[in-house]
Amino acid sequence: MLVVKNLSKTYNKGKVAVDNLSLEINDGEIFGFIGHNGAGKTTTIKCCVGILDFEEGEITLDNISVVENPIEYKKQIAYLTDNPDLYEQLTGIQFLNFICDIYGISKDVRLERINKYAHIFEIDSYLGDMISSYSHGMKQKLALISAIIRKPKLLVLDEPFVGLDPKASFLVKEIMKEMCKEGSSIFFSTHVLEVAEKLCDHIAIIKNGKLVAKGTLEEVKGDKSLEDVFMELVNHE
């Protein structure tokens, strides 16, 4: 379980990006994080994956603190941005093997997983090519494979469907469901409210660094659409 308790993050010029935010993400659950541009989604996520320091609060995954034990914490997670930076001087297969080496994945297991997901995403014939020759969508697929093959306890995605074609987006959603059935948790931000409405077990809506709603999909939206609820909350002063 990921537990974020009373998280606050302020930037150098005094801008409060995240203000006393608390949430919990249970094992086997897909948790959607929604908000307008600049609401604090990415800052929250970067704190949760150990990229950004924070002034107040605590973040733990299965009682392991991101502050007190960052290496053990990060071994359990995988994080993908909407525009991943990859080692473009490597081929696709070299990059995936590099990731597997870091996380101690055996040769037999990595071969099975790489073959499976490269075939699913239809990039198996391109793994021998330099990453620098890949399109944005292919890079996104390679980055996703590098995260999925690690079977992380927590998969954190910032706008995961950006740059993916409709088929790849569908496959990602199916893989997310599969991972949750195996005990992983998914924490992802999105602007695509229809995706959140169809995919998520729990959601949270953030505005100006503060959570303005959280709970199950039914608790948050009631008999309205998620889009209607979101617009009401973000437009309310």
Protein backbone atom coordinates (compact mmCIF):
# COMPACT_ATOMS: atom_id res chain seq x y z
CA MET A 1 0.00 0.00 0.00
CA LEU A 2 1.20 3.49 -0.89
CA VAL A 3 0.46 6.00 1.87
CA VAL A 4 0.89 9.73 1.33
CA LYS A 5 0.28 11.62 4.58
CA ASN A 6 0.08 15.41 4.93
CA LEU A 7 2.38 16.05 1.96
CA SER A 8 3.39 19.67 1.35
CA LYS A 9 5.83 20.94 -1.27
CA THR A 10 6.86 24.57 -1.80
CA TYR A 11 9.13 25.84 -4.57
CA ASN A 12 11.90 28.41 -4.18
CA LYS A 13 9.82 31.52 -4.80
CA GLY A 14 7.29 30.53 -2.17
CA LYS A 15 4.79 28.92 -4.52
CA VAL A 16 2.88 26.17 -2.73
CA ALA A 17 2.61 23.34 -5.25
CA VAL A 18 1.13 20.69 -2.94
CA ASP A 19 -0.70 21.62 0.26
CA ASN A 20 -1.28 19.05 3.04
CA LEU A 21 -2.25 16.25 0.66
CA SER A 22 -3.10 12.76 1.92
CA LEU A 23 -4.13 9.66 0.01
CA GLU A 24 -3.81 5.88 0.09
CA ILE A 25 -3.47 3.44 -2.80
CA ASN A 26 -4.25 -0.16 -1.95
CA ASP A 27 -2.68 -3.29 -3.40
CA GLY A 28 -4.30 -4.40 -6.64
CA GLU A 29 -5.99 -1.08 -7.33
CA ILE A 30 -5.94 1.44 -10.16
CA PHE A 31 -5.92 4.98 -8.77
CA GLY A 32 -6.55 7.96 -11.06
CA PHE A 33 -5.15 11.40 -10.25
CA ILE A 34 -6.95 14.24 -12.01
CA GLY A 35 -6.42 17.98 -12.17
CA HIS A 36 -5.94 20.94 -14.46
CA ASN A 37 -2.52 22.02 -15.72
CA GLY A 38 -0.48 23.34 -12.80
CA ALA A 39 -2.76 21.78 -10.18
CA GLY A 40 0.08 19.84 -8.54
CA LYS A 41 -0.29 16.40 -10.11
CA THR A 42 3.24 16.02 -11.44
CA THR A 43 4.79 17.52 -8.31
CA THR A 44 2.90 15.03 -6.16
CA ILE A 45 3.96 12.16 -8.39
CA LYS A 46 7.61 13.24 -8.38
CA CYS A 47 7.55 13.33 -4.59
CA CYS A 48 5.99 9.86 -4.54
CA VAL A 49 8.75 8.39 -6.71
CA GLY A 50 11.60 10.10 -4.86
CA ILE A 51 12.60 12.68 -7.48
CA LEU A 52 11.58 15.73 -5.46
CA ASP A 53 12.22 16.47 -1.80
CA PHE A 54 9.35 17.84 0.27
CA GLU A 55 9.10 19.98 3.38
CA GLU A 56 6.32 18.27 5.29
CA GLY A 57 4.59 14.91 5.42
CA GLU A 58 5.63 11.34 4.75
CA ILE A 59 5.38 8.85 1.91
CA THR A 60 5.66 5.11 2.43
CA LEU A 61 5.18 1.99 0.34
CA ASP A 62 4.50 -1.09 2.46
CA ASN A 63 5.87 0.89 5.42
CA ILE A 64 9.15 1.68 3.63
CA SER A 65 9.83 5.41 3.62
CA VAL A 66 10.92 7.20 0.46
CA VAL A 67 12.98 9.55 2.66
CA GLU A 68 14.50 7.14 5.18
CA ASN A 69 15.11 4.18 2.87
CA PRO A 70 15.03 5.51 -0.70
CA ILE A 71 16.89 2.62 -2.38
CA GLU A 72 14.63 -0.11 -1.02
CA TYR A 73 11.61 2.08 -1.75
CA LYS A 74 12.61 2.67 -5.37
CA LYS A 75 13.33 -1.01 -5.98
CA GLN A 76 9.59 -1.60 -5.64
CA ILE A 77 8.36 1.05 -8.07
CA ALA A 78 8.46 1.90 -11.75
CA TYR A 79 7.84 5.44 -12.98
CA LEU A 80 7.11 6.72 -16.47
CA THR A 81 6.67 10.29 -17.63
CA ASP A 82 4.60 11.33 -20.63
CA ASN A 83 7.85 11.99 -22.52
CA PRO A 84 10.41 9.46 -21.29
CA ASP A 85 14.13 10.12 -21.70
CA LEU A 86 15.84 6.99 -23.00
CA TYR A 87 19.46 6.18 -23.81
CA GLU A 88 19.19 6.82 -27.52
CA GLN A 89 22.70 5.55 -28.28
CA LEU A 90 21.50 2.05 -27.35
CA THR A 91 19.34 -0.33 -29.32
CA GLY A 92 15.95 -1.24 -27.92
CA ILE A 93 17.10 -4.67 -26.73
CA GLN A 94 20.26 -3.22 -25.17
CA PHE A 95 18.15 -0.78 -23.19
CA LEU A 96 15.78 -3.48 -21.95
CA ASN A 97 18.67 -5.72 -20.95
CA PHE A 98 20.28 -2.78 -19.15
CA ILE A 99 17.10 -2.26 -17.10
CA CYS A 100 16.89 -5.98 -16.36
CA ASP A 101 20.52 -6.00 -15.20
CA ILE A 102 19.84 -3.14 -12.78
CA TYR A 103 16.87 -4.93 -11.25
CA GLY A 104 18.48 -8.37 -11.20
CA ILE A 105 16.04 -10.07 -13.57
CA SER A 106 17.33 -13.47 -14.67
CA LYS A 107 18.06 -14.16 -18.33
CA ASP A 108 15.28 -16.70 -18.71
CA VAL A 109 12.66 -14.46 -17.12
CA ARG A 110 13.71 -11.36 -19.03
CA LEU A 111 13.69 -13.21 -22.35
CA GLU A 112 10.16 -14.45 -21.75
CA ARG A 113 8.86 -11.04 -20.66
CA ILE A 114 10.64 -9.02 -23.34
CA ASN A 115 9.40 -11.34 -26.07
CA LYS A 116 5.86 -11.25 -24.71
CA TYR A 117 5.48 -7.48 -24.41
CA ALA A 118 7.52 -6.56 -27.49
CA HIS A 119 5.19 -8.79 -29.49
CA ILE A 120 2.09 -7.33 -27.85
CA PHE A 121 3.20 -3.79 -28.66
CA GLU A 122 4.42 -4.80 -32.11
CA ILE A 123 7.98 -3.51 -31.75
CA ASP A 124 9.77 -6.87 -31.63
CA SER A 125 11.17 -6.36 -35.14
CA TYR A 126 12.63 -2.99 -34.09
CA LEU A 127 14.48 -4.03 -30.92
CA GLY A 128 17.74 -4.28 -32.82
CA ASP A 129 17.45 -0.67 -34.04
CA MET A 130 18.90 2.37 -32.31
CA ILE A 131 16.42 4.09 -30.02
CA SER A 132 17.33 7.38 -31.72
CA SER A 133 15.52 6.09 -34.82
CA TYR A 134 12.27 5.39 -32.92
CA SER A 135 9.16 7.53 -33.22
CA HIS A 136 7.71 9.09 -30.06
CA GLY A 137 5.09 6.34 -29.87
CA MET A 138 7.71 3.60 -30.18
CA LYS A 139 9.82 5.19 -27.45
CA GLN A 140 6.73 5.31 -25.24
CA LYS A 141 6.09 1.62 -25.88
CA LEU A 142 9.71 0.71 -25.12
CA ALA A 143 9.59 2.68 -21.89
CA LEU A 144 6.36 0.94 -20.90
CA ILE A 145 7.92 -2.46 -21.56
CA SER A 146 10.94 -1.53 -19.43
CA ALA A 147 8.59 -0.79 -16.54
CA ILE A 148 6.25 -3.75 -16.98
CA ILE A 149 8.96 -6.41 -17.23
CA ARG A 150 10.13 -5.48 -13.72
CA LYS A 151 6.72 -6.44 -12.24
CA PRO A 152 6.85 -3.49 -9.83
CA LYS A 153 4.83 -3.34 -6.64
CA LEU A 154 3.73 0.16 -7.68
CA LEU A 155 3.58 1.48 -11.24
CA VAL A 156 3.40 5.28 -11.43
CA LEU A 157 2.43 6.85 -14.75
CA ASP A 158 2.21 10.53 -15.63
CA GLU A 159 -0.19 10.90 -18.58
CA PRO A 160 0.51 7.36 -19.86
CA PHE A 161 -1.66 7.55 -22.97
CA VAL A 162 0.04 10.57 -24.56
CA GLY A 163 1.58 9.61 -27.91
CA LEU A 164 0.04 6.15 -28.04
CA ASP A 165 -2.20 5.05 -30.87
CA PRO A 166 -5.68 3.70 -29.98
CA LYS A 167 -4.58 0.06 -30.15
CA ALA A 168 -1.58 0.66 -27.88
CA SER A 169 -3.76 2.62 -25.44
CA PHE A 170 -6.16 -0.31 -25.25
CA LEU A 171 -3.28 -2.72 -24.64
CA VAL A 172 -1.86 -0.55 -21.86
CA LYS A 173 -5.23 -0.52 -20.11
CA GLU A 174 -5.50 -4.30 -20.36
CA ILE A 175 -1.95 -4.74 -19.02
CA MET A 176 -2.73 -2.38 -16.12
CA LYS A 177 -5.71 -4.55 -15.20
CA GLU A 178 -3.58 -7.69 -15.50
CA MET A 179 -0.88 -6.25 -13.23
CA CYS A 180 -3.44 -5.34 -10.59
CA LYS A 181 -4.84 -8.87 -10.62
CA GLU A 182 -1.29 -10.02 -9.84
CA GLY A 183 -1.09 -7.66 -6.84
CA SER A 184 0.55 -4.53 -8.23
CA SER A 185 -0.93 -1.06 -7.77
CA ILE A 186 -1.27 1.61 -10.46
CA PHE A 187 -1.13 5.34 -9.73
CA PHE A 188 -1.57 7.50 -12.81
CA SER A 189 -2.45 11.04 -13.76
CA THR A 190 -4.58 11.80 -16.78
CA HIS A 191 -6.51 14.52 -18.54
CA VAL A 192 -8.64 11.92 -20.28
CA LEU A 193 -11.61 11.74 -17.93
CA GLU A 194 -13.35 9.03 -19.94
CA VAL A 195 -10.37 6.74 -19.37
CA ALA A 196 -10.38 7.44 -15.63
CA GLU A 197 -14.10 6.82 -15.45
CA LYS A 198 -13.85 3.43 -17.14
CA LEU A 199 -10.58 2.23 -15.62
CA CYS A 200 -10.15 3.44 -12.05
CA ASP A 201 -11.15 1.90 -8.74
CA HIS A 202 -10.43 5.14 -6.86
CA ILE A 203 -9.78 8.69 -8.01
CA ALA A 204 -8.62 11.95 -6.52
CA ILE A 205 -9.10 15.44 -7.93
CA ILE A 206 -6.52 18.10 -7.12
CA LYS A 207 -6.90 21.87 -7.50
CA ASN A 208 -4.23 24.44 -6.67
CA GLY A 209 -2.27 21.87 -4.68
CA LYS A 210 -5.20 20.71 -2.55
CA LEU A 211 -7.33 17.62 -2.88
CA VAL A 212 -10.92 18.64 -3.52
CA ALA A 213 -12.34 15.13 -3.91
CA LYS A 214 -11.23 11.54 -3.40
CA GLY A 215 -12.85 8.13 -3.06
CA THR A 216 -14.30 5.41 -5.20
CA LEU A 217 -15.58 6.46 -8.58
CA GLU A 218 -19.14 6.16 -7.32
CA GLU A 219 -18.41 8.24 -4.22
CA VAL A 220 -16.85 11.05 -6.23
CA LYS A 221 -19.23 11.31 -9.16
CA GLY A 222 -22.53 10.01 -7.77
CA ASP A 223 -25.11 10.00 -10.55
CA LYS A 224 -23.21 12.59 -12.62
CA SER A 225 -20.48 12.10 -15.18
CA LEU A 226 -16.91 12.50 -13.99
CA GLU A 227 -16.50 15.37 -16.44
CA ASP A 228 -19.43 17.27 -14.88
CA VAL A 229 -18.06 16.75 -11.36
CA PHE A 230 -14.58 17.78 -12.40
CA MET A 231 -15.76 20.98 -14.07
CA GLU A 232 -17.89 21.89 -11.05
CA LEU A 233 -14.99 21.41 -8.67
CA VAL A 234 -12.30 23.19 -10.66
CA ASN A 235 -14.58 26.14 -11.53
CA HIS A 236 -15.84 26.57 -7.96
CA GLU A 237 -14.14 29.42 -6.11
